[in-house]
Protein backbone atom coordinates (compact mmCIF):
# COMPACT_ATOMS: atom_id res chain seq x y z
CA UNK A 1 -0.08 0.17 -0.23
CA UNK A 2 1.31 3.48 -1.10
CA UNK A 3 1.59 5.98 1.90
CA UNK A 4 -0.35 8.83 1.26
CA UNK A 5 1.12 11.16 4.23
CA UNK A 6 4.51 11.88 5.79
CA UNK A 7 3.37 10.64 8.97
CA UNK A 8 3.11 7.33 7.78
CA UNK A 9 7.19 7.09 6.72
CA UNK A 10 7.89 7.87 10.03
CA UNK A 11 9.69 4.79 12.10
CA UNK A 12 8.18 5.98 15.33
CA UNK A 13 4.43 5.55 13.71
CA UNK A 14 5.32 2.26 12.15
CA UNK A 15 6.36 1.14 15.96
CA UNK A 16 3.16 2.62 17.45
CA UNK A 17 0.81 0.73 15.01
CA UNK A 18 2.35 -2.23 16.22
CA UNK A 19 2.06 -1.16 19.83
CA UNK A 20 -1.51 -0.60 19.39
CA UNK A 21 -1.92 -3.60 17.84
CA UNK A 22 -0.39 -5.34 20.96
CA UNK A 23 -2.08 -3.82 23.18
CA UNK A 24 -5.37 -4.85 21.90
CA UNK A 25 -4.52 -8.44 21.40
CA UNK A 26 -3.57 -8.21 25.26
CA UNK A 27 -6.64 -6.68 26.34
CA UNK A 28 -8.57 -9.12 24.68
CA UNK A 29 -7.91 -11.25 27.82
CA UNK A 30 -9.56 -8.67 30.13
CA UNK A 31 -12.96 -9.83 31.55
CA UNK A 32 -16.05 -8.80 30.07
CA UNK A 33 -16.81 -6.61 33.23
CA UNK A 34 -13.83 -4.45 31.87
CA UNK A 35 -15.09 -3.59 28.60
CA UNK A 36 -16.26 -0.20 28.98
CA UNK A 37 -13.80 0.72 31.85
CA UNK A 38 -10.29 -0.37 31.74
CA UNK A 39 -10.36 -2.29 28.34
CA UNK A 40 -11.65 0.73 26.51
CA UNK A 41 -9.35 3.30 28.32
CA UNK A 42 -6.30 1.39 27.83
CA UNK A 43 -7.27 0.60 24.09
CA UNK A 44 -8.21 4.31 23.56
CA UNK A 45 -5.00 5.52 25.11
CA UNK A 46 -3.27 3.50 22.56
CA UNK A 47 -4.73 4.67 19.48
CA UNK A 48 -3.92 8.50 21.03
CA UNK A 49 -0.65 7.59 20.38
CA UNK A 50 -0.65 7.00 16.61
CA UNK A 51 -3.42 9.90 16.31
CA UNK A 52 -1.34 12.39 17.97
CA UNK A 53 2.00 11.74 15.72
CA UNK A 54 -0.27 11.78 12.72
CA UNK A 55 -1.99 15.40 13.73
CA UNK A 56 1.33 16.63 15.05
CA UNK A 57 3.49 15.91 12.24
CA UNK A 58 0.82 17.73 10.13
CA UNK A 59 0.94 21.21 11.63
CA UNK A 60 2.74 23.75 10.86
CA UNK A 61 4.31 25.34 13.66
CA UNK A 62 7.13 23.42 15.43
CA UNK A 63 5.35 24.50 18.79
CA UNK A 64 2.01 22.81 17.89
CA UNK A 65 4.32 19.66 16.18
CA UNK A 66 6.31 19.20 19.94
CA UNK A 67 3.11 19.67 21.66
CA UNK A 68 1.09 16.85 20.34
CA UNK A 69 4.27 14.64 20.34
CA UNK A 70 4.13 15.38 24.24
CA UNK A 71 0.73 14.07 24.07
CA UNK A 72 1.53 10.84 22.39
CA UNK A 73 4.18 10.39 24.86
CA UNK A 74 1.85 11.07 27.66
CA UNK A 75 -0.68 8.12 26.44
CA UNK A 76 2.13 5.64 25.53
CA UNK A 77 3.05 6.24 29.47
CA UNK A 78 -0.70 5.93 30.18
CA UNK A 79 -1.02 2.66 28.24
CA UNK A 80 1.55 1.17 30.32
CA UNK A 81 0.59 2.01 33.50
CA UNK A 82 -2.81 0.22 32.63
CA UNK A 83 -1.01 -2.58 31.51
CA UNK A 84 0.97 -2.82 34.94
CA UNK A 85 -2.87 -2.03 36.67
CA UNK A 86 -4.23 -5.54 34.19
CA UNK A 87 -1.19 -7.55 35.53
CA UNK A 88 -2.19 -6.19 39.61
CA UNK A 89 -5.75 -7.24 38.86
CA UNK A 90 -4.71 -10.57 37.28
CA UNK A 91 -5.96 -10.15 33.66
CA UNK A 92 -2.58 -10.58 31.87
CA UNK A 93 0.62 -12.07 32.98
CA UNK A 94 3.99 -10.12 34.12
CA UNK A 95 5.57 -11.80 31.11
CA UNK A 96 3.06 -10.08 28.89
CA UNK A 97 3.84 -6.73 29.99
CA UNK A 98 7.66 -7.83 29.74
CA UNK A 99 7.30 -8.92 25.87
CA UNK A 100 5.63 -5.47 25.07
CA UNK A 101 8.37 -3.49 27.45
CA UNK A 102 10.29 -3.06 24.54
CA UNK A 103 7.92 -1.51 22.11
CA UNK A 104 7.58 0.79 25.44
CA UNK A 105 10.98 1.62 25.59
CA UNK A 106 11.92 2.23 21.91
CA UNK A 107 8.52 4.15 21.41
CA UNK A 108 9.74 6.53 24.62
CA UNK A 109 13.10 6.77 22.68
CA UNK A 110 11.81 7.74 19.23
CA UNK A 111 9.01 10.39 20.62
CA UNK A 112 11.65 12.33 22.70
CA UNK A 113 14.05 12.04 19.77
CA UNK A 114 11.26 13.53 17.29
CA UNK A 115 10.09 15.88 20.07
CA UNK A 116 13.73 17.34 20.90
CA UNK A 117 14.08 17.47 17.05
CA UNK A 118 11.24 19.98 16.41
CA UNK A 119 12.28 21.83 19.57
CA UNK A 120 15.83 22.34 18.29
CA UNK A 121 14.83 23.95 14.90
């Protein structure tokens, strides 16, 4: 599939898409009683990462670009925190979170680098 927009070419965006997919797959194990609570919240936060990358990179001002990358970073931290809550509740294993943790670290680093690049211009 040809890419239509510049954000689709960003490595951080591609990794974030993989992360979203992993979060969705992990959250399938959550009980039905969480469908409108933790399941919904963690999925929305994960999707927010890719959404804010797309929106931020489409902005014209560097300040706006940086702001949306900060929001994506916050959403990443939110999902990681919620995964830990899911472990605490017994919905998923610590091993599940350990398998997804490298995505979190890589996204954290790449989002920080992207934000720094906007701030240095």
